C-alpha cells in the first residue's frame, strides 16, 4: 500500500475514489435505480458524485474532467447542475455497463479544495 494514496469506499475489486496529490479520482458512478428514465438516472448519479466529492474534500466546482455515457438526454440535467463558469472538459465514452437498465455512467476527476 502507498501511504500517499487515500482510497475511499474500498471493495475487493475497486475503490469508489482515490486521492493523490490533491487530485480526486472517482470510479464510474451508476444510478441506484434502473427503473427511471435517463433524466432521473442522471440526477441520481450527479447526487452521488456530489456526495463522493464531499467525502474526498472537494466539490463540483473543482471538477477537472468527466467521462460520460448517453450524453444527449442527460445534458438537460447536467446543464442545470454544473457550476456556471466552471464547466469541466467532458468526454463521451461507450462502455458495457454492469446492468442493462443503467442508461448512464459518469467518471469524475477533481481537485481537492
C-alpha atoms as a PDB file:
ATOM      1  CA  UNK A   1       0.000   0.000   0.000  1.00  0.00           C
ATOM      2  CA  UNK A   2       1.120   3.513  -0.784  1.00  0.00           C
ATOM      3  CA  UNK A   3       0.652   5.901   2.174  1.00  0.00           C
ATOM      4  CA  UNK A   4       0.441   8.861  -0.245  1.00  0.00           C
ATOM      5  CA  UNK A   5      -2.767   7.490  -1.793  1.00  0.00           C
ATOM      6  CA  UNK A   6      -6.057   7.602   0.107  1.00  0.00           C
ATOM      7  CA  UNK A   7      -8.684   5.112  -1.065  1.00  0.00           C
ATOM      8  CA  UNK A   8     -12.338   5.597  -0.176  1.00  0.00           C
ATOM      9  CA  UNK A   9     -15.145   3.048  -0.395  1.00  0.00           C
ATOM     10  CA  UNK A  10     -12.866   0.087  -0.980  1.00  0.00           C
ATOM     11  CA  UNK A  11     -14.286  -3.210  -2.158  1.00  0.00           C
ATOM     12  CA  UNK A  12     -12.392  -6.339  -3.150  1.00  0.00           C
ATOM     13  CA  UNK A  13     -12.312  -5.316  -6.817  1.00  0.00           C
ATOM     14  CA  UNK A  14     -12.184  -1.495  -6.783  1.00  0.00           C
ATOM     15  CA  UNK A  15     -12.377   1.717  -4.761  1.00  0.00           C
ATOM     16  CA  UNK A  16     -15.149   4.283  -5.113  1.00  0.00           C
ATOM     17  CA  UNK A  17     -12.482   7.013  -5.044  1.00  0.00           C
ATOM     18  CA  UNK A  18      -8.756   7.588  -4.733  1.00  0.00           C
ATOM     19  CA  UNK A  19      -6.987  10.812  -3.756  1.00  0.00           C
ATOM     20  CA  UNK A  20      -3.377  11.501  -4.714  1.00  0.00           C
ATOM     21  CA  UNK A  21      -1.518  14.822  -4.555  1.00  0.00           C
ATOM     22  CA  UNK A  22      -4.745  16.792  -4.151  1.00  0.00           C
ATOM     23  CA  UNK A  23      -6.445  15.136  -7.128  1.00  0.00           C
ATOM     24  CA  UNK A  24      -9.632  13.099  -6.617  1.00  0.00           C
ATOM     25  CA  UNK A  25     -10.361  10.209  -8.973  1.00  0.00           C
ATOM     26  CA  UNK A  26     -13.885   8.787  -8.783  1.00  0.00           C
ATOM     27  CA  UNK A  27     -14.870   5.378 -10.070  1.00  0.00           C
ATOM     28  CA  UNK A  28     -17.627   5.231 -12.650  1.00  0.00           C
ATOM     29  CA  UNK A  29     -20.812   6.276 -10.883  1.00  0.00           C
ATOM     30  CA  UNK A  30     -24.001   4.499 -11.959  1.00  0.00           C
ATOM     31  CA  UNK A  31     -27.605   5.063 -10.822  1.00  0.00           C
ATOM     32  CA  UNK A  32     -29.026   3.334  -7.772  1.00  0.00           C
ATOM     33  CA  UNK A  33     -32.242   2.762  -9.728  1.00  0.00           C
ATOM     34  CA  UNK A  34     -32.690   1.250 -13.162  1.00  0.00           C
ATOM     35  CA  UNK A  35     -36.432   1.818 -13.320  1.00  0.00           C
ATOM     36  CA  UNK A  36     -36.345   5.568 -14.075  1.00  0.00           C
ATOM     37  CA  UNK A  37     -35.571   7.434 -17.303  1.00  0.00           C
ATOM     38  CA  UNK A  38     -32.224   8.966 -18.253  1.00  0.00           C
ATOM     39  CA  UNK A  39     -33.094  12.258 -16.549  1.00  0.00           C
ATOM     40  CA  UNK A  40     -33.857  10.519 -13.250  1.00  0.00           C
ATOM     41  CA  UNK A  41     -30.753   8.373 -13.524  1.00  0.00           C
ATOM     42  CA  UNK A  42     -28.612  11.427 -14.320  1.00  0.00           C
ATOM     43  CA  UNK A  43     -29.937  13.308 -11.280  1.00  0.00           C
ATOM     44  CA  UNK A  44     -29.229  10.247  -9.130  1.00  0.00           C
ATOM     45  CA  UNK A  45     -25.652   9.885 -10.388  1.00  0.00           C
ATOM     46  CA  UNK A  46     -24.901  13.603 -10.037  1.00  0.00           C
ATOM     47  CA  UNK A  47     -26.112  13.488  -6.418  1.00  0.00           C
ATOM     48  CA  UNK A  48     -23.766  10.554  -5.810  1.00  0.00           C
ATOM     49  CA  UNK A  49     -20.891  12.466  -7.434  1.00  0.00           C
ATOM     50  CA  UNK A  50     -21.502  15.441  -5.131  1.00  0.00           C
ATOM     51  CA  UNK A  51     -21.557  13.212  -2.049  1.00  0.00           C
ATOM     52  CA  UNK A  52     -18.380  11.330  -3.008  1.00  0.00           C
ATOM     53  CA  UNK A  53     -16.553  14.585  -3.833  1.00  0.00           C
ATOM     54  CA  UNK A  54     -17.548  15.980  -0.433  1.00  0.00           C
ATOM     55  CA  UNK A  55     -16.155  12.847   1.256  1.00  0.00           C
ATOM     56  CA  UNK A  56     -12.887  13.462  -0.610  1.00  0.00           C
ATOM     57  CA  UNK A  57     -12.617  17.142   0.378  1.00  0.00           C
ATOM     58  CA  UNK A  58     -13.793  18.542  -2.951  1.00  0.00           C
ATOM     59  CA  UNK A  59     -16.968  19.748  -4.677  1.00  0.00           C
ATOM     60  CA  UNK A  60     -18.466  20.053  -8.152  1.00  0.00           C
ATOM     61  CA  UNK A  61     -16.859  23.463  -8.777  1.00  0.00           C
ATOM     62  CA  UNK A  62     -13.448  21.709  -8.659  1.00  0.00           C
ATOM     63  CA  UNK A  63     -14.168  19.050 -11.293  1.00  0.00           C
ATOM     64  CA  UNK A  64     -11.322  18.838 -13.789  1.00  0.00           C
ATOM     65  CA  UNK A  65     -12.810  16.300 -16.211  1.00  0.00           C
ATOM     66  CA  UNK A  66     -15.771  13.982 -16.690  1.00  0.00           C
ATOM     67  CA  UNK A  67     -16.322  10.956 -18.912  1.00  0.00           C
ATOM     68  CA  UNK A  68     -19.983  10.425 -19.705  1.00  0.00           C
ATOM     69  CA  UNK A  69     -22.112   7.800 -21.418  1.00  0.00           C
ATOM     70  CA  UNK A  70     -25.525   8.580 -23.032  1.00  0.00           C
ATOM     71  CA  UNK A  71     -24.954  12.299 -23.422  1.00  0.00           C
ATOM     72  CA  UNK A  72     -27.982  13.540 -25.386  1.00  0.00           C
ATOM     73  CA  UNK A  73     -30.789  13.402 -22.817  1.00  0.00           C
ATOM     74  CA  UNK A  74     -28.566  13.864 -19.783  1.00  0.00           C
ATOM     75  CA  UNK A  75     -27.469  17.325 -20.957  1.00  0.00           C
ATOM     76  CA  UNK A  76     -30.739  18.838 -19.690  1.00  0.00           C
ATOM     77  CA  UNK A  77     -29.991  17.713 -16.137  1.00  0.00           C
ATOM     78  CA  UNK A  78     -26.239  18.367 -16.442  1.00  0.00           C
ATOM     79  CA  UNK A  79     -26.704  21.967 -17.620  1.00  0.00           C
ATOM     80  CA  UNK A  80     -28.814  22.766 -14.553  1.00  0.00           C
ATOM     81  CA  UNK A  81     -26.307  21.037 -12.230  1.00  0.00           C
ATOM     82  CA  UNK A  82     -22.900  22.237 -13.425  1.00  0.00           C
ATOM     83  CA  UNK A  83     -21.465  25.374 -11.800  1.00  0.00           C
ATOM     84  CA  UNK A  84     -21.666  28.307 -14.259  1.00  0.00           C
ATOM     85  CA  UNK A  85     -18.191  29.318 -15.338  1.00  0.00           C
ATOM     86  CA  UNK A  86     -16.699  26.025 -14.066  1.00  0.00           C
ATOM     87  CA  UNK A  87     -17.873  23.559 -16.729  1.00  0.00           C
ATOM     88  CA  UNK A  88     -15.201  20.840 -16.937  1.00  0.00           C
ATOM     89  CA  UNK A  89     -13.877  19.136 -20.062  1.00  0.00           C
ATOM     90  CA  UNK A  90     -16.040  16.144 -20.934  1.00  0.00           C
ATOM     91  CA  UNK A  91     -15.635  13.004 -22.971  1.00  0.00           C
ATOM     92  CA  UNK A  92     -18.363  10.653 -24.107  1.00  0.00           C
ATOM     93  CA  UNK A  93     -17.372   7.015 -23.849  1.00  0.00           C
ATOM     94  CA  UNK A  94     -19.013   3.788 -24.918  1.00  0.00           C
ATOM     95  CA  UNK A  95     -18.748   1.084 -22.298  1.00  0.00           C
ATOM     96  CA  UNK A  96     -20.638  -2.001 -21.292  1.00  0.00           C
ATOM     97  CA  UNK A  97     -22.451  -1.220 -18.062  1.00  0.00           C
ATOM     98  CA  UNK A  98     -22.904  -3.687 -15.208  1.00  0.00           C
ATOM     99  CA  UNK A  99     -26.691  -3.634 -15.543  1.00  0.00           C
ATOM    100  CA  UNK A 100     -28.590  -3.234 -18.841  1.00  0.00           C
ATOM    101  CA  UNK A 101     -31.083  -0.939 -17.064  1.00  0.00           C
ATOM    102  CA  UNK A 102     -28.342   1.637 -16.450  1.00  0.00           C
ATOM    103  CA  UNK A 103     -28.521   4.425 -19.011  1.00  0.00           C
ATOM    104  CA  UNK A 104     -25.623   6.483 -17.671  1.00  0.00           C
ATOM    105  CA  UNK A 105     -22.226   6.199 -16.047  1.00  0.00           C
ATOM    106  CA  UNK A 106     -20.113   9.226 -15.109  1.00  0.00           C
ATOM    107  CA  UNK A 107     -16.403   9.187 -14.221  1.00  0.00           C
ATOM    108  CA  UNK A 108     -15.034  12.296 -12.477  1.00  0.00           C
ATOM    109  CA  UNK A 109     -11.580  13.705 -11.778  1.00  0.00           C
ATOM    110  CA  UNK A 110     -11.483  16.730  -9.435  1.00  0.00           C
ATOM    111  CA  UNK A 111      -9.114  18.852  -7.393  1.00  0.00           C
ATOM    112  CA  UNK A 112      -9.415  18.912  -3.627  1.00  0.00           C
ATOM    113  CA  UNK A 113     -10.476  22.193  -2.060  1.00  0.00           C
END
